[in-house]
Amino acid sequence: MRSDRASGPDPEQGLEPVPAEGPTEGSADGLPEELAAFPRLDAEGMIVGAEQDGQAPAPLSGPSPLLPGLVAIAGVVLTVLAVLATVRTVSAAGQARPMLVPVLVAGLALGGYSMTRLLQLLLLATSRARRRAAGADLPPVRWQLLDDHSLHAVWVSGVGASIGLMGLLGVWSLLDGHPSGLEPGWPLLLVGGGAALMAHLARQRASRAWQEAGEVE
């Protein structure tokens, strides 16, 4: 007669217990060793701890945004003052309140940050291109800086185009004989068109400089 114990493992046979499933030794955060061997990346796409291990130097963060921020703040303050002065102005009969100055300072408030930032990035790119041509060994830069000049140039072009459109309306109202406050209009055309043209040229020059510096292909 067979015993019921024959159907299960005999504790007297000295069988080793099966380890419970869980993170294996040598893994990180419960990952297998194959996946744990890959480096971890931070939000900027750089290897975590690379600076401490000597694998790669820390990337340059680029110019400080303090100066562009101060320019934008100055534009906002001037816009508020210009609007208050315009509201307090008593227009003559048949005349509109002058809007030339408020439009100009509003353009500074809206596009001053991007214009200043664009010039900063242009100076950075041209400086690295000159140093690279001289054979200097340059540390890497954050990959976001390689496209920032394009974004700011597009914004400045849009602000300049808006100012130019206001100037066109001023010229139209001057010729039409119905004052709109934007007369004579041509100063706004010059400022808006000049800002858009300058942003376009700065964008092209910065792109070439990054290429000459070997940052982009």
C-alpha atoms as a PDB file:
ATOM      1  CA  MET A   1       0.000   0.000   0.000  1.00  0.00           C
ATOM      2  CA  ARG A   2       1.495   3.323  -1.220  1.00  0.00           C
ATOM      3  CA  SER A   3       1.502   6.247   1.094  1.00  0.00           C
ATOM      4  CA  ASP A   4      -0.091   9.566   0.102  1.00  0.00           C
ATOM      5  CA  ARG A   5       3.253  11.260   0.823  1.00  0.00           C
ATOM      6  CA  ALA A   6       4.730   9.700  -2.290  1.00  0.00           C
ATOM      7  CA  SER A   7       2.844  12.173  -4.475  1.00  0.00           C
ATOM      8  CA  GLY A   8       4.745  15.251  -3.132  1.00  0.00           C
ATOM      9  CA  PRO A   9       8.357  16.160  -2.467  1.00  0.00           C
ATOM     10  CA  ASP A  10      10.011  14.380   0.439  1.00  0.00           C
ATOM     11  CA  PRO A  11      11.384  16.932   2.876  1.00  0.00           C
ATOM     12  CA  GLU A  12      13.964  14.346   3.958  1.00  0.00           C
ATOM     13  CA  GLN A  13      15.600  14.244   0.488  1.00  0.00           C
ATOM     14  CA  GLY A  14      17.366  17.570   1.102  1.00  0.00           C
ATOM     15  CA  LEU A  15      15.949  19.479  -1.868  1.00  0.00           C
ATOM     16  CA  GLU A  16      16.961  23.177  -1.979  1.00  0.00           C
ATOM     17  CA  PRO A  17      14.080  25.654  -1.763  1.00  0.00           C
ATOM     18  CA  VAL A  18      13.185  27.499  -4.966  1.00  0.00           C
ATOM     19  CA  PRO A  19      13.966  31.228  -4.578  1.00  0.00           C
ATOM     20  CA  ALA A  20      11.054  33.612  -4.871  1.00  0.00           C
ATOM     21  CA  GLU A  21      10.774  35.667  -8.042  1.00  0.00           C
ATOM     22  CA  GLY A  22      12.066  39.211  -7.697  1.00  0.00           C
ATOM     23  CA  PRO A  23      14.889  41.537  -8.694  1.00  0.00           C
ATOM     24  CA  THR A  24      18.006  39.588  -9.522  1.00  0.00           C
ATOM     25  CA  GLU A  25      21.333  40.423  -7.977  1.00  0.00           C
ATOM     26  CA  GLY A  26      23.257  42.999  -9.976  1.00  0.00           C
ATOM     27  CA  SER A  27      20.165  44.677 -11.437  1.00  0.00           C
ATOM     28  CA  ALA A  28      19.135  48.279 -10.880  1.00  0.00           C
ATOM     29  CA  ASP A  29      15.587  49.162  -9.828  1.00  0.00           C
ATOM     30  CA  GLY A  30      14.431  45.616 -10.482  1.00  0.00           C
ATOM     31  CA  LEU A  31      15.606  45.653 -14.122  1.00  0.00           C
ATOM     32  CA  PRO A  32      17.529  42.751 -15.655  1.00  0.00           C
ATOM     33  CA  GLU A  33      21.283  43.111 -15.866  1.00  0.00           C
ATOM     34  CA  GLU A  34      21.110  43.626 -19.649  1.00  0.00           C
ATOM     35  CA  LEU A  35      18.840  46.674 -19.289  1.00  0.00           C
ATOM     36  CA  ALA A  36      20.589  48.002 -16.195  1.00  0.00           C
ATOM     37  CA  ALA A  37      23.832  48.181 -18.170  1.00  0.00           C
ATOM     38  CA  PHE A  38      22.443  50.957 -20.380  1.00  0.00           C
ATOM     39  CA  PRO A  39      23.165  54.520 -19.150  1.00  0.00           C
ATOM     40  CA  ARG A  40      20.311  56.615 -17.859  1.00  0.00           C
ATOM     41  CA  LEU A  41      19.603  59.968 -19.532  1.00  0.00           C
ATOM     42  CA  ASP A  42      18.407  63.168 -17.915  1.00  0.00           C
ATOM     43  CA  ALA A  43      15.863  65.653 -19.295  1.00  0.00           C
ATOM     44  CA  GLU A  44      18.535  67.236 -21.488  1.00  0.00           C
ATOM     45  CA  GLY A  45      19.501  63.938 -23.106  1.00  0.00           C
ATOM     46  CA  MET A  46      22.828  63.717 -21.270  1.00  0.00           C
ATOM     47  CA  ILE A  47      24.101  60.650 -19.420  1.00  0.00           C
ATOM     48  CA  VAL A  48      23.343  60.790 -15.695  1.00  0.00           C
ATOM     49  CA  GLY A  49      26.537  60.952 -13.718  1.00  0.00           C
ATOM     50  CA  ALA A  50      28.706  61.305 -16.803  1.00  0.00           C
ATOM     51  CA  GLU A  51      30.478  64.304 -15.362  1.00  0.00           C
ATOM     52  CA  GLN A  52      31.469  62.435 -12.230  1.00  0.00           C
ATOM     53  CA  ASP A  53      32.622  59.344 -14.163  1.00  0.00           C
ATOM     54  CA  GLY A  54      34.663  61.403 -16.621  1.00  0.00           C
ATOM     55  CA  GLN A  55      32.694  60.143 -19.613  1.00  0.00           C
ATOM     56  CA  ALA A  56      31.653  63.586 -20.919  1.00  0.00           C
ATOM     57  CA  PRO A  57      31.897  67.201 -19.738  1.00  0.00           C
ATOM     58  CA  ALA A  58      28.823  69.073 -18.626  1.00  0.00           C
ATOM     59  CA  PRO A  59      27.077  70.836 -21.565  1.00  0.00           C
ATOM     60  CA  LEU A  60      27.006  74.609 -21.690  1.00  0.00           C
ATOM     61  CA  SER A  61      23.625  76.052 -20.791  1.00  0.00           C
ATOM     62  CA  GLY A  62      24.059  79.065 -23.079  1.00  0.00           C
ATOM     63  CA  PRO A  63      23.720  82.803 -22.433  1.00  0.00           C
ATOM     64  CA  SER A  64      21.869  84.013 -19.384  1.00  0.00           C
ATOM     65  CA  PRO A  65      18.217  84.988 -19.973  1.00  0.00           C
ATOM     66  CA  LEU A  66      18.584  87.898 -17.560  1.00  0.00           C
ATOM     67  CA  LEU A  67      19.263  90.536 -20.212  1.00  0.00           C
ATOM     68  CA  PRO A  68      16.369  89.464 -22.501  1.00  0.00           C
ATOM     69  CA  GLY A  69      14.095  89.440 -19.471  1.00  0.00           C
ATOM     70  CA  LEU A  70      15.110  92.976 -18.515  1.00  0.00           C
ATOM     71  CA  VAL A  71      14.441  94.159 -22.074  1.00  0.00           C
ATOM     72  CA  ALA A  72      10.975  92.592 -22.027  1.00  0.00           C
ATOM     73  CA  ILE A  73      10.187  94.121 -18.632  1.00  0.00           C
ATOM     74  CA  ALA A  74      11.305  97.542 -19.864  1.00  0.00           C
ATOM     75  CA  GLY A  75       9.028  97.139 -22.877  1.00  0.00           C
ATOM     76  CA  VAL A  76       6.059  96.291 -20.669  1.00  0.00           C
ATOM     77  CA  VAL A  77       6.670  99.301 -18.411  1.00  0.00           C
ATOM     78  CA  LEU A  78       7.016 101.651 -21.387  1.00  0.00           C
ATOM     79  CA  THR A  79       3.862 100.220 -22.935  1.00  0.00           C
ATOM     80  CA  VAL A  80       1.837 100.881 -19.784  1.00  0.00           C
ATOM     81  CA  LEU A  81       3.156 104.424 -19.577  1.00  0.00           C
ATOM     82  CA  ALA A  82       2.474 105.066 -23.265  1.00  0.00           C
ATOM     83  CA  VAL A  83      -1.074 103.749 -23.020  1.00  0.00           C
ATOM     84  CA  LEU A  84      -1.790 105.896 -19.959  1.00  0.00           C
ATOM     85  CA  ALA A  85      -0.411 108.952 -21.732  1.00  0.00           C
ATOM     86  CA  THR A  86      -2.505 108.209 -24.815  1.00  0.00           C
ATOM     87  CA  VAL A  87      -5.680 107.802 -22.782  1.00  0.00           C
ATOM     88  CA  ARG A  88      -5.098 111.140 -21.064  1.00  0.00           C
ATOM     89  CA  THR A  89      -4.482 112.918 -24.356  1.00  0.00           C
ATOM     90  CA  VAL A  90      -7.318 115.150 -25.493  1.00  0.00           C
ATOM     91  CA  SER A  91      -7.571 114.968 -29.264  1.00  0.00           C
ATOM     92  CA  ALA A  92      -8.633 117.836 -31.432  1.00  0.00           C
ATOM     93  CA  ALA A  93     -11.930 117.721 -33.273  1.00  0.00           C
ATOM     94  CA  GLY A  94     -11.826 115.186 -36.067  1.00  0.00           C
ATOM     95  CA  GLN A  95      -8.486 113.784 -34.936  1.00  0.00           C
ATOM     96  CA  ALA A  96      -7.676 110.428 -33.361  1.00  0.00           C
ATOM     97  CA  ARG A  97      -5.417 109.830 -30.407  1.00  0.00           C
ATOM     98  CA  PRO A  98      -1.815 109.235 -31.500  1.00  0.00           C
ATOM     99  CA  MET A  99      -1.038 105.513 -31.436  1.00  0.00           C
ATOM    100  CA  LEU A 100       2.432 105.540 -32.958  1.00  0.00           C
ATOM    101  CA  VAL A 101       4.414 105.377 -29.708  1.00  0.00           C
ATOM    102  CA  PRO A 102       2.183 102.783 -27.987  1.00  0.00           C
ATOM    103  CA  VAL A 103       2.514 100.477 -31.000  1.00  0.00           C
ATOM    104  CA  LEU A 104       6.300 100.777 -31.010  1.00  0.00           C
ATOM    105  CA  VAL A 105       6.761 100.107 -27.299  1.00  0.00           C
ATOM    106  CA  ALA A 106       4.211  97.271 -27.464  1.00  0.00           C
ATOM    107  CA  GLY A 107       6.388  95.718 -30.142  1.00  0.00           C
ATOM    108  CA  LEU A 108       9.336  95.998 -27.768  1.00  0.00           C
ATOM    109  CA  ALA A 109       7.354  94.319 -25.013  1.00  0.00           C
ATOM    110  CA  LEU A 110       6.274  91.464 -27.279  1.00  0.00           C
ATOM    111  CA  GLY A 111       9.454  90.929 -29.266  1.00  0.00           C
ATOM    112  CA  GLY A 112      12.198  92.393 -27.074  1.00  0.00           C
ATOM    113  CA  TYR A 113      12.942  89.120 -25.307  1.00  0.00           C
ATOM    114  CA  SER A 114      13.193  87.090 -28.506  1.00  0.00           C
ATOM    115  CA  MET A 115      15.233  89.732 -30.317  1.00  0.00           C
ATOM    116  CA  THR A 116      17.763  89.995 -27.491  1.00  0.00           C
ATOM    117  CA  ARG A 117      17.913  86.220 -27.137  1.00  0.00           C
ATOM    118  CA  LEU A 118      18.439  85.845 -30.873  1.00  0.00           C
ATOM    119  CA  LEU A 119      21.387  88.241 -30.769  1.00  0.00           C
ATOM    120  CA  GLN A 120      22.847  86.372 -27.800  1.00  0.00           C
ATOM    121  CA  LEU A 121      22.650  83.058 -29.634  1.00  0.00           C
ATOM    122  CA  LEU A 122      24.146  84.621 -32.743  1.00  0.00           C
ATOM    123  CA  LEU A 123      27.121  85.881 -30.743  1.00  0.00           C
ATOM    124  CA  LEU A 124      27.537  82.469 -29.101  1.00  0.00           C
ATOM    125  CA  ALA A 125      27.446  80.609 -32.415  1.00  0.00           C
ATOM    126  CA  THR A 126      29.859  82.956 -34.169  1.00  0.00           C
ATOM    127  CA  SER A 127      32.253  82.845 -31.209  1.00  0.00           C
ATOM    128  CA  ARG A 128      32.290  79.043 -31.222  1.00  0.00           C
ATOM    129  CA  ALA A 129      32.788  79.011 -34.995  1.00  0.00           C
ATOM    130  CA  ARG A 130      35.842  81.279 -34.696  1.00  0.00           C
ATOM    131  CA  ARG A 131      37.299  79.240 -31.850  1.00  0.00           C
ATOM    132  CA  ARG A 132      36.668  75.989 -33.703  1.00  0.00           C
ATOM    133  CA  ALA A 133      38.419  77.383 -36.764  1.00  0.00           C
ATOM    134  CA  ALA A 134      41.382  78.257 -34.543  1.00  0.00           C
ATOM    135  CA  GLY A 135      41.602  74.629 -33.411  1.00  0.00           C
ATOM    136  CA  ALA A 136      40.219  75.069 -29.905  1.00  0.00           C
ATOM    137  CA  ASP A 137      38.706  72.086 -28.103  1.00  0.00           C
ATOM    138  CA  LEU A 138      35.218  73.276 -27.172  1.00  0.00           C
ATOM    139  CA  PRO A 139      32.869  71.725 -24.607  1.00  0.00           C
ATOM    140  CA  PRO A 140      29.462  70.605 -25.895  1.00  0.00           C
ATOM    141  CA  VAL A 141      26.381  72.783 -25.720  1.00  0.00           C
ATOM    142  CA  ARG A 142      22.832  71.839 -24.895  1.00  0.00           C
ATOM    143  CA  TRP A 143      21.130  70.516 -27.999  1.00  0.00           C
ATOM    144  CA  GLN A 144      18.200  72.903 -27.435  1.00  0.00           C
ATOM    145  CA  LEU A 145      20.469  75.866 -28.211  1.00  0.00           C
ATOM    146  CA  LEU A 146      20.973  74.671 -31.772  1.00  0.00           C
ATOM    147  CA  ASP A 147      17.323  75.395 -32.642  1.00  0.00           C
ATOM    148  CA  ASP A 148      16.467  78.235 -30.264  1.00  0.00           C
ATOM    149  CA  HIS A 149      17.630  80.912 -32.689  1.00  0.00           C
ATOM    150  CA  SER A 150      15.136  79.708 -35.311  1.00  0.00           C
ATOM    151  CA  LEU A 151      12.219  79.842 -32.886  1.00  0.00           C
ATOM    152  CA  HIS A 152      13.067  83.338 -31.673  1.00  0.00           C
ATOM    153  CA  ALA A 153      13.646  84.547 -35.234  1.00  0.00           C
ATOM    154  CA  VAL A 154      10.196  83.363 -36.294  1.00  0.00           C
ATOM    155  CA  TRP A 155       8.610  85.167 -33.325  1.00  0.00           C
ATOM    156  CA  VAL A 156      10.472  88.415 -34.026  1.00  0.00           C
ATOM    157  CA  SER A 157       9.491  88.208 -37.702  1.00  0.00           C
ATOM    158  CA  GLY A 158       5.864  87.852 -36.703  1.00  0.00           C
ATOM    159  CA  VAL A 159       6.027  90.846 -34.363  1.00  0.00           C
ATOM    160  CA  GLY A 160       7.795  92.905 -37.030  1.00  0.00           C
ATOM    161  CA  ALA A 161       5.204  91.953 -39.620  1.00  0.00           C
ATOM    162  CA  SER A 162       2.424  93.043 -37.238  1.00  0.00           C
ATOM    163  CA  ILE A 163       4.085  96.424 -36.684  1.00  0.00           C
ATOM    164  CA  GLY A 164       4.519  96.810 -40.422  1.00  0.00           C
ATOM    165  CA  LEU A 165       0.836  96.056 -40.938  1.00  0.00           C
ATOM    166  CA  MET A 166      -0.077  98.783 -38.466  1.00  0.00           C
ATOM    167  CA  GLY A 167       2.148 101.150 -40.420  1.00  0.00           C
ATOM    168  CA  LEU A 168       0.409 100.178 -43.636  1.00  0.00           C
ATOM    169  CA  LEU A 169      -2.924 101.002 -42.022  1.00  0.00           C
ATOM    170  CA  GLY A 170      -1.495 104.363 -40.988  1.00  0.00           C
ATOM    171  CA  VAL A 171      -0.443 105.144 -44.565  1.00  0.00           C
ATOM    172  CA  TRP A 172      -3.868 104.070 -45.812  1.00  0.00           C
ATOM    173  CA  SER A 173      -5.719 106.263 -43.326  1.00  0.00           C
ATOM    174  CA  LEU A 174      -3.436 109.192 -44.171  1.00  0.00           C
ATOM    175  CA  LEU A 175      -4.209 108.875 -47.877  1.00  0.00           C
ATOM    176  CA  ASP A 176      -7.880 108.167 -47.219  1.00  0.00           C
ATOM    177  CA  GLY A 177      -8.331 111.251 -45.057  1.00  0.00           C
ATOM    178  CA  HIS A 178      -9.840 109.382 -42.091  1.00  0.00           C
ATOM    179  CA  PRO A 179      -7.392 109.657 -39.150  1.00  0.00           C
ATOM    180  CA  SER A 180      -6.709 106.487 -37.212  1.00  0.00           C
ATOM    181  CA  GLY A 181      -3.914 107.702 -34.951  1.00  0.00           C
ATOM    182  CA  LEU A 182      -1.302 105.642 -36.820  1.00  0.00           C
ATOM    183  CA  GLU A 183      -0.291 108.426 -39.170  1.00  0.00           C
ATOM    184  CA  PRO A 184       2.047 108.911 -40.937  1.00  0.00           C
ATOM    185  CA  GLY A 185       2.558 105.152 -40.888  1.00  0.00           C
ATOM    186  CA  TRP A 186       5.958 104.975 -42.574  1.00  0.00           C
ATOM    187  CA  PRO A 187       7.910 104.871 -39.260  1.00  0.00           C
ATOM    188  CA  LEU A 188       6.018 101.723 -38.325  1.00  0.00           C
ATOM    189  CA  LEU A 189       6.695 100.260 -41.749  1.00  0.00           C
ATOM    190  CA  LEU A 190      10.418 100.897 -41.380  1.00  0.00           C
ATOM    191  CA  VAL A 191      10.634  99.528 -37.833  1.00  0.00           C
ATOM    192  CA  GLY A 192       8.510  96.462 -38.511  1.00  0.00           C
ATOM    193  CA  GLY A 193      10.200  95.633 -41.794  1.00  0.00           C
ATOM    194  CA  GLY A 194      13.646  96.249 -40.335  1.00  0.00           C
ATOM    195  CA  ALA A 195      12.965  93.969 -37.360  1.00  0.00           C
ATOM    196  CA  ALA A 196      11.693  91.163 -39.598  1.00  0.00           C
ATOM    197  CA  LEU A 197      14.663  91.519 -41.966  1.00  0.00           C
ATOM    198  CA  MET A 198      17.147  91.595 -39.113  1.00  0.00           C
ATOM    199  CA  ALA A 199      15.635  88.469 -37.557  1.00  0.00           C
ATOM    200  CA  HIS A 200      15.833  86.645 -40.895  1.00  0.00           C
ATOM    201  CA  LEU A 201      19.484  87.570 -41.449  1.00  0.00           C
ATOM    202  CA  ALA A 202      20.421  86.722 -37.854  1.00  0.00           C
ATOM    203  CA  ARG A 203      18.748  83.336 -38.199  1.00  0.00           C
ATOM    204  CA  GLN A 204      20.682  82.521 -41.360  1.00  0.00           C
ATOM    205  CA  ARG A 205      23.976  83.677 -39.904  1.00  0.00           C
ATOM    206  CA  ALA A 206      23.470  81.709 -36.675  1.00  0.00           C
ATOM    207  CA  SER A 207      22.635  78.546 -38.628  1.00  0.00           C
ATOM    208  CA  ARG A 208      25.830  78.885 -40.687  1.00  0.00           C
ATOM    209  CA  ALA A 209      27.862  79.568 -37.548  1.00  0.00           C
ATOM    210  CA  TRP A 210      26.580  76.410 -35.838  1.00  0.00           C
ATOM    211  CA  GLN A 211      27.533  74.449 -38.937  1.00  0.00           C
ATOM    212  CA  GLU A 212      30.994  76.009 -39.033  1.00  0.00           C
ATOM    213  CA  ALA A 213      31.412  75.158 -35.354  1.00  0.00           C
ATOM    214  CA  GLY A 214      30.649  71.525 -36.143  1.00  0.00           C
ATOM    215  CA  GLU A 215      27.539  71.410 -33.963  1.00  0.00           C
ATOM    216  CA  VAL A 216      25.109  70.541 -36.760  1.00  0.00           C
ATOM    217  CA  GLU A 217      25.517  68.968 -40.171  1.00  0.00           C
END
